[in-house]
Amino acid sequence: MLEQTTLPRVEAYSHRVAPGSYCTSVWLDLAQHWQKWRRDHRRVVLRDIDPLSGRGHLALLTASAPVAA
């Protein structure tokens, strides 16, 4: 069992995908926006929840340094 902890508040940009493409919307948006997100953000967190099972998946993508514009 995981221990519940309080994490410090972090300012972050949030991007939501439109509903409709079953469990692939987040990956389609990554394919479309990855260059901008890589340029603008050092870390990108992708989260997806299966609407049928309720199971969620999380991926953390980290760049070693921001890309120059």
PDB file of N, CA and C in Angstrom:
ATOM      1  N   MET A   1       0.840  -1.173   0.000  1.00  0.00           N
ATOM      2  CA  MET A   1       0.000   0.000   0.000  1.00  0.00           C
ATOM      3  C   MET A   1       0.886   1.237   0.000  1.00  0.00           C
ATOM      4  N   LEU A   2       0.539   2.223  -0.825  1.00  0.00           N
ATOM      5  CA  LEU A   2       1.321   3.444  -0.902  1.00  0.00           C
ATOM      6  C   LEU A   2       0.979   4.378   0.244  1.00  0.00           C
ATOM      7  N   GLU A   3       1.993   5.029   0.746  1.00  0.00           N
ATOM      8  CA  GLU A   3       1.793   6.000   1.810  1.00  0.00           C
ATOM      9  C   GLU A   3       1.354   7.325   1.191  1.00  0.00           C
ATOM     10  N   GLN A   4       0.314   7.926   1.778  1.00  0.00           N
ATOM     11  CA  GLN A   4      -0.166   9.206   1.264  1.00  0.00           C
ATOM     12  C   GLN A   4       0.744  10.313   1.766  1.00  0.00           C
ATOM     13  N   THR A   5       1.222  11.147   0.844  1.00  0.00           N
ATOM     14  CA  THR A   5       2.096  12.258   1.206  1.00  0.00           C
ATOM     15  C   THR A   5       1.573  13.535   0.563  1.00  0.00           C
ATOM     16  N   THR A   6       2.011  14.643   1.087  1.00  0.00           N
ATOM     17  CA  THR A   6       1.658  15.929   0.513  1.00  0.00           C
ATOM     18  C   THR A   6       2.850  16.442  -0.268  1.00  0.00           C
ATOM     19  N   LEU A   7       2.628  16.744  -1.538  1.00  0.00           N
ATOM     20  CA  LEU A   7       3.699  17.235  -2.390  1.00  0.00           C
ATOM     21  C   LEU A   7       3.617  18.754  -2.481  1.00  0.00           C
ATOM     22  N   PRO A   8       4.746  19.406  -2.697  1.00  0.00           N
ATOM     23  CA  PRO A   8       4.707  20.860  -2.856  1.00  0.00           C
ATOM     24  C   PRO A   8       3.926  21.239  -4.118  1.00  0.00           C
ATOM     25  N   ARG A   9       3.252  22.355  -4.060  1.00  0.00           N
ATOM     26  CA  ARG A   9       2.485  22.838  -5.216  1.00  0.00           C
ATOM     27  C   ARG A   9       3.457  23.320  -6.286  1.00  0.00           C
ATOM     28  N   VAL A  10       3.196  22.938  -7.524  1.00  0.00           N
ATOM     29  CA  VAL A  10       4.053  23.293  -8.647  1.00  0.00           C
ATOM     30  C   VAL A  10       3.196  23.944  -9.723  1.00  0.00           C
ATOM     31  N   GLU A  11       3.673  25.061 -10.246  1.00  0.00           N
ATOM     32  CA  GLU A  11       2.990  25.685 -11.376  1.00  0.00           C
ATOM     33  C   GLU A  11       3.251  24.841 -12.611  1.00  0.00           C
ATOM     34  N   ALA A  12       2.202  24.539 -13.340  1.00  0.00           N
ATOM     35  CA  ALA A  12       2.362  23.694 -14.518  1.00  0.00           C
ATOM     36  C   ALA A  12       1.338  24.068 -15.575  1.00  0.00           C
ATOM     37  N   TYR A  13       1.705  23.842 -16.809  1.00  0.00           N
ATOM     38  CA  TYR A  13       0.792  24.015 -17.934  1.00  0.00           C
ATOM     39  C   TYR A  13      -0.003  22.727 -18.066  1.00  0.00           C
ATOM     40  N   SER A  14      -1.283  22.847 -18.281  1.00  0.00           N
ATOM     41  CA  SER A  14      -2.131  21.672 -18.437  1.00  0.00           C
ATOM     42  C   SER A  14      -2.794  21.699 -19.811  1.00  0.00           C
ATOM     43  N   HIS A  15      -2.772  20.581 -20.477  1.00  0.00           N
ATOM     44  CA  HIS A  15      -3.380  20.449 -21.801  1.00  0.00           C
ATOM     45  C   HIS A  15      -4.296  19.236 -21.766  1.00  0.00           C
ATOM     46  N   ARG A  16      -5.560  19.428 -22.082  1.00  0.00           N
ATOM     47  CA  ARG A  16      -6.505  18.311 -22.108  1.00  0.00           C
ATOM     48  C   ARG A  16      -6.852  17.968 -23.548  1.00  0.00           C
ATOM     49  N   VAL A  17      -7.001  16.689 -23.804  1.00  0.00           N
ATOM     50  CA  VAL A  17      -7.414  16.255 -25.127  1.00  0.00           C
ATOM     51  C   VAL A  17      -8.929  16.126 -25.160  1.00  0.00           C
ATOM     52  N   ALA A  18      -9.478  16.246 -26.338  1.00  0.00           N
ATOM     53  CA  ALA A  18     -10.916  16.087 -26.505  1.00  0.00           C
ATOM     54  C   ALA A  18     -11.283  14.616 -26.334  1.00  0.00           C
ATOM     55  N   PRO A  19     -12.417  14.343 -25.737  1.00  0.00           N
ATOM     56  CA  PRO A  19     -12.840  12.947 -25.597  1.00  0.00           C
ATOM     57  C   PRO A  19     -13.217  12.361 -26.955  1.00  0.00           C
ATOM     58  N   GLY A  20     -13.190  11.068 -27.045  1.00  0.00           N
ATOM     59  CA  GLY A  20     -13.696  10.463 -28.269  1.00  0.00           C
ATOM     60  C   GLY A  20     -12.851   9.380 -28.878  1.00  0.00           C
ATOM     61  N   SER A  21     -11.549   9.545 -28.907  1.00  0.00           N
ATOM     62  CA  SER A  21     -10.742   8.464 -29.487  1.00  0.00           C
ATOM     63  C   SER A  21     -10.254   7.587 -28.348  1.00  0.00           C
ATOM     64  N   TYR A  22     -10.851   6.454 -28.228  1.00  0.00           N
ATOM     65  CA  TYR A  22     -10.685   5.543 -27.100  1.00  0.00           C
ATOM     66  C   TYR A  22      -9.220   5.264 -26.781  1.00  0.00           C
ATOM     67  N   CYS A  23      -8.780   5.761 -25.654  1.00  0.00           N
ATOM     68  CA  CYS A  23      -7.447   5.495 -25.090  1.00  0.00           C
ATOM     69  C   CYS A  23      -6.288   5.872 -26.006  1.00  0.00           C
ATOM     70  N   THR A  24      -6.519   6.685 -27.020  1.00  0.00           N
ATOM     71  CA  THR A  24      -5.417   7.078 -27.888  1.00  0.00           C
ATOM     72  C   THR A  24      -5.267   8.587 -27.996  1.00  0.00           C
ATOM     73  N   SER A  25      -6.218   9.349 -27.475  1.00  0.00           N
ATOM     74  CA  SER A  25      -6.180  10.807 -27.613  1.00  0.00           C
ATOM     75  C   SER A  25      -4.883  11.397 -27.108  1.00  0.00           C
ATOM     76  N   VAL A  26      -4.415  10.954 -25.958  1.00  0.00           N
ATOM     77  CA  VAL A  26      -3.198  11.522 -25.378  1.00  0.00           C
ATOM     78  C   VAL A  26      -1.989  11.247 -26.277  1.00  0.00           C
ATOM     79  N   TRP A  27      -1.942  10.078 -26.885  1.00  0.00           N
ATOM     80  CA  TRP A  27      -0.810   9.718 -27.740  1.00  0.00           C
ATOM     81  C   TRP A  27      -0.883  10.453 -29.077  1.00  0.00           C
ATOM     82  N   LEU A  28      -2.087  10.670 -29.590  1.00  0.00           N
ATOM     83  CA  LEU A  28      -2.239  11.447 -30.818  1.00  0.00           C
ATOM     84  C   LEU A  28      -1.802  12.890 -30.602  1.00  0.00           C
ATOM     85  N   ASP A  29      -2.155  13.465 -29.447  1.00  0.00           N
ATOM     86  CA  ASP A  29      -1.730  14.828 -29.153  1.00  0.00           C
ATOM     87  C   ASP A  29      -0.222  14.918 -28.957  1.00  0.00           C
ATOM     88  N   LEU A  30       0.380  13.908 -28.350  1.00  0.00           N
ATOM     89  CA  LEU A  30       1.833  13.884 -28.215  1.00  0.00           C
ATOM     90  C   LEU A  30       2.475  13.895 -29.603  1.00  0.00           C
ATOM     91  N   ALA A  31       1.965  13.084 -30.509  1.00  0.00           N
ATOM     92  CA  ALA A  31       2.519  13.037 -31.866  1.00  0.00           C
ATOM     93  C   ALA A  31       2.388  14.382 -32.571  1.00  0.00           C
ATOM     94  N   GLN A  32       1.294  15.085 -32.306  1.00  0.00           N
ATOM     95  CA  GLN A  32       1.056  16.366 -32.965  1.00  0.00           C
ATOM     96  C   GLN A  32       1.861  17.508 -32.335  1.00  0.00           C
ATOM     97  N   HIS A  33       2.057  17.499 -31.020  1.00  0.00           N
ATOM     98  CA  HIS A  33       2.634  18.646 -30.317  1.00  0.00           C
ATOM     99  C   HIS A  33       4.037  18.419 -29.747  1.00  0.00           C
ATOM    100  N   TRP A  34       4.660  17.275 -29.970  1.00  0.00           N
ATOM    101  CA  TRP A  34       5.890  16.952 -29.246  1.00  0.00           C
ATOM    102  C   TRP A  34       7.000  17.973 -29.453  1.00  0.00           C
ATOM    103  N   GLN A  35       7.118  18.536 -30.646  1.00  0.00           N
ATOM    104  CA  GLN A  35       8.213  19.490 -30.874  1.00  0.00           C
ATOM    105  C   GLN A  35       8.026  20.762 -30.047  1.00  0.00           C
ATOM    106  N   LYS A  36       6.809  21.286 -30.016  1.00  0.00           N
ATOM    107  CA  LYS A  36       6.535  22.481 -29.218  1.00  0.00           C
ATOM    108  C   LYS A  36       6.705  22.178 -27.724  1.00  0.00           C
ATOM    109  N   TRP A  37       6.153  21.037 -27.268  1.00  0.00           N
ATOM    110  CA  TRP A  37       6.259  20.686 -25.859  1.00  0.00           C
ATOM    111  C   TRP A  37       7.717  20.484 -25.462  1.00  0.00           C
ATOM    112  N   ARG A  38       8.517  19.878 -26.337  1.00  0.00           N
ATOM    113  CA  ARG A  38       9.935  19.667 -26.033  1.00  0.00           C
ATOM    114  C   ARG A  38      10.674  20.999 -25.948  1.00  0.00           C
ATOM    115  N   ARG A  39      10.314  21.930 -26.813  1.00  0.00           N
ATOM    116  CA  ARG A  39      10.937  23.249 -26.805  1.00  0.00           C
ATOM    117  C   ARG A  39      10.533  24.053 -25.562  1.00  0.00           C
ATOM    118  N   ASP A  40       9.270  23.938 -25.156  1.00  0.00           N
ATOM    119  CA  ASP A  40       8.734  24.778 -24.082  1.00  0.00           C
ATOM    120  C   ASP A  40       8.825  24.174 -22.691  1.00  0.00           C
ATOM    121  N   HIS A  41       9.009  22.862 -22.591  1.00  0.00           N
ATOM    122  CA  HIS A  41       8.952  22.193 -21.282  1.00  0.00           C
ATOM    123  C   HIS A  41      10.080  21.177 -21.138  1.00  0.00           C
ATOM    124  N   ARG A  42      10.653  21.141 -19.975  1.00  0.00           N
ATOM    125  CA  ARG A  42      11.702  20.154 -19.704  1.00  0.00           C
ATOM    126  C   ARG A  42      11.119  18.786 -19.367  1.00  0.00           C
ATOM    127  N   ARG A  43       9.912  18.791 -18.784  1.00  0.00           N
ATOM    128  CA  ARG A  43       9.235  17.533 -18.433  1.00  0.00           C
ATOM    129  C   ARG A  43       7.809  17.574 -18.961  1.00  0.00           C
ATOM    130  N   VAL A  44       7.353  16.442 -19.469  1.00  0.00           N
ATOM    131  CA  VAL A  44       5.974  16.286 -19.916  1.00  0.00           C
ATOM    132  C   VAL A  44       5.422  15.030 -19.258  1.00  0.00           C
ATOM    133  N   VAL A  45       4.277  15.174 -18.614  1.00  0.00           N
ATOM    134  CA  VAL A  45       3.611  14.037 -17.982  1.00  0.00           C
ATOM    135  C   VAL A  45       2.373  13.714 -18.802  1.00  0.00           C
ATOM    136  N   LEU A  46       2.263  12.478 -19.233  1.00  0.00           N
ATOM    137  CA  LEU A  46       1.094  12.014 -19.967  1.00  0.00           C
ATOM    138  C   LEU A  46       0.299  11.097 -19.042  1.00  0.00           C
ATOM    139  N   ARG A  47      -1.004  11.321 -18.999  1.00  0.00           N
ATOM    140  CA  ARG A  47      -1.860  10.486 -18.152  1.00  0.00           C
ATOM    141  C   ARG A  47      -3.057  10.070 -18.973  1.00  0.00           C
ATOM    142  N   ASP A  48      -3.404   8.816 -18.888  1.00  0.00           N
ATOM    143  CA  ASP A  48      -4.539   8.275 -19.629  1.00  0.00           C
ATOM    144  C   ASP A  48      -5.299   7.326 -18.727  1.00  0.00           C
ATOM    145  N   ILE A  49      -6.612   7.385 -18.784  1.00  0.00           N
ATOM    146  CA  ILE A  49      -7.446   6.484 -17.984  1.00  0.00           C
ATOM    147  C   ILE A  49      -8.393   5.748 -18.921  1.00  0.00           C
ATOM    148  N   ASP A  50      -8.404   4.437 -18.809  1.00  0.00           N
ATOM    149  CA  ASP A  50      -9.303   3.606 -19.601  1.00  0.00           C
ATOM    150  C   ASP A  50     -10.720   3.794 -19.060  1.00  0.00           C
ATOM    151  N   PRO A  51     -11.643   4.299 -19.881  1.00  0.00           N
ATOM    152  CA  PRO A  51     -12.989   4.564 -19.380  1.00  0.00           C
ATOM    153  C   PRO A  51     -13.779   3.307 -19.022  1.00  0.00           C
ATOM    154  N   LEU A  52     -13.408   2.172 -19.581  1.00  0.00           N
ATOM    155  CA  LEU A  52     -14.130   0.939 -19.268  1.00  0.00           C
ATOM    156  C   LEU A  52     -13.652   0.296 -17.971  1.00  0.00           C
ATOM    157  N   SER A  53     -12.351   0.201 -17.796  1.00  0.00           N
ATOM    158  CA  SER A  53     -11.820  -0.474 -16.605  1.00  0.00           C
ATOM    159  C   SER A  53     -11.520   0.494 -15.475  1.00  0.00           C
ATOM    160  N   GLY A  54     -11.320   1.779 -15.811  1.00  0.00           N
ATOM    161  CA  GLY A  54     -10.933   2.756 -14.787  1.00  0.00           C
ATOM    162  C   GLY A  54      -9.444   2.744 -14.482  1.00  0.00           C
ATOM    163  N   ARG A  55      -8.687   1.871 -15.122  1.00  0.00           N
ATOM    164  CA  ARG A  55      -7.243   1.821 -14.907  1.00  0.00           C
ATOM    165  C   ARG A  55      -6.560   2.988 -15.587  1.00  0.00           C
ATOM    166  N   GLY A  56      -5.576   3.545 -14.921  1.00  0.00           N
ATOM    167  CA  GLY A  56      -4.849   4.671 -15.479  1.00  0.00           C
ATOM    168  C   GLY A  56      -3.392   4.337 -15.726  1.00  0.00           C
ATOM    169  N   HIS A  57      -2.798   5.085 -16.613  1.00  0.00           N
ATOM    170  CA  HIS A  57      -1.391   4.936 -16.943  1.00  0.00           C
ATOM    171  C   HIS A  57      -0.761   6.310 -16.979  1.00  0.00           C
ATOM    172  N   LEU A  58       0.490   6.366 -16.581  1.00  0.00           N
ATOM    173  CA  LEU A  58       1.208   7.624 -16.486  1.00  0.00           C
ATOM    174  C   LEU A  58       2.584   7.460 -17.110  1.00  0.00           C
ATOM    175  N   ALA A  59       3.005   8.440 -17.895  1.00  0.00           N
ATOM    176  CA  ALA A  59       4.341   8.424 -18.476  1.00  0.00           C
ATOM    177  C   ALA A  59       4.981   9.776 -18.231  1.00  0.00           C
ATOM    178  N   LEU A  60       6.224   9.777 -17.773  1.00  0.00           N
ATOM    179  CA  LEU A  60       6.992  10.999 -17.575  1.00  0.00           C
ATOM    180  C   LEU A  60       8.094  11.037 -18.622  1.00  0.00           C
ATOM    181  N   LEU A  61       8.051  12.069 -19.468  1.00  0.00           N
ATOM    182  CA  LEU A  61       9.079  12.270 -20.486  1.00  0.00           C
ATOM    183  C   LEU A  61       9.950  13.425 -20.030  1.00  0.00           C
ATOM    184  N   THR A  62      11.255  13.212 -19.962  1.00  0.00           N
ATOM    185  CA  THR A  62      12.174  14.226 -19.453  1.00  0.00           C
ATOM    186  C   THR A  62      13.278  14.475 -20.465  1.00  0.00           C
ATOM    187  N   ALA A  63      13.528  15.747 -20.735  1.00  0.00           N
ATOM    188  CA  ALA A  63      14.639  16.143 -21.603  1.00  0.00           C
ATOM    189  C   ALA A  63      15.816  16.550 -20.731  1.00  0.00           C
ATOM    190  N   SER A  64      17.018  16.337 -21.212  1.00  0.00           N
ATOM    191  CA  SER A  64      18.195  16.709 -20.433  1.00  0.00           C
ATOM    192  C   SER A  64      18.324  18.216 -20.306  1.00  0.00           C
ATOM    193  N   ALA A  65      17.839  18.946 -21.315  1.00  0.00           N
ATOM    194  CA  ALA A  65      17.856  20.416 -21.271  1.00  0.00           C
ATOM    195  C   ALA A  65      16.834  20.934 -22.264  1.00  0.00           C
ATOM    196  N   PRO A  66      16.271  22.102 -22.027  1.00  0.00           N
ATOM    197  CA  PRO A  66      15.310  22.657 -22.988  1.00  0.00           C
ATOM    198  C   PRO A  66      15.994  22.902 -24.348  1.00  0.00           C
ATOM    199  N   VAL A  67      15.230  22.771 -25.401  1.00  0.00           N
ATOM    200  CA  VAL A  67      15.738  22.998 -26.742  1.00  0.00           C
ATOM    201  C   VAL A  67      15.612  24.476 -27.059  1.00  0.00           C
ATOM    202  N   ALA A  68      16.643  25.041 -27.663  1.00  0.00           N
ATOM    203  CA  ALA A  68      16.613  26.461 -28.027  1.00  0.00           C
ATOM    204  C   ALA A  68      15.560  26.694 -29.097  1.00  0.00           C
ATOM    205  N   ALA A  69      14.879  27.826 -28.995  1.00  0.00           N
ATOM    206  CA  ALA A  69      13.817  28.161 -29.963  1.00  0.00           C
ATOM    207  C   ALA A  69      14.397  28.557 -31.303  1.00  0.00           C
TER     208      ALA A  69
END
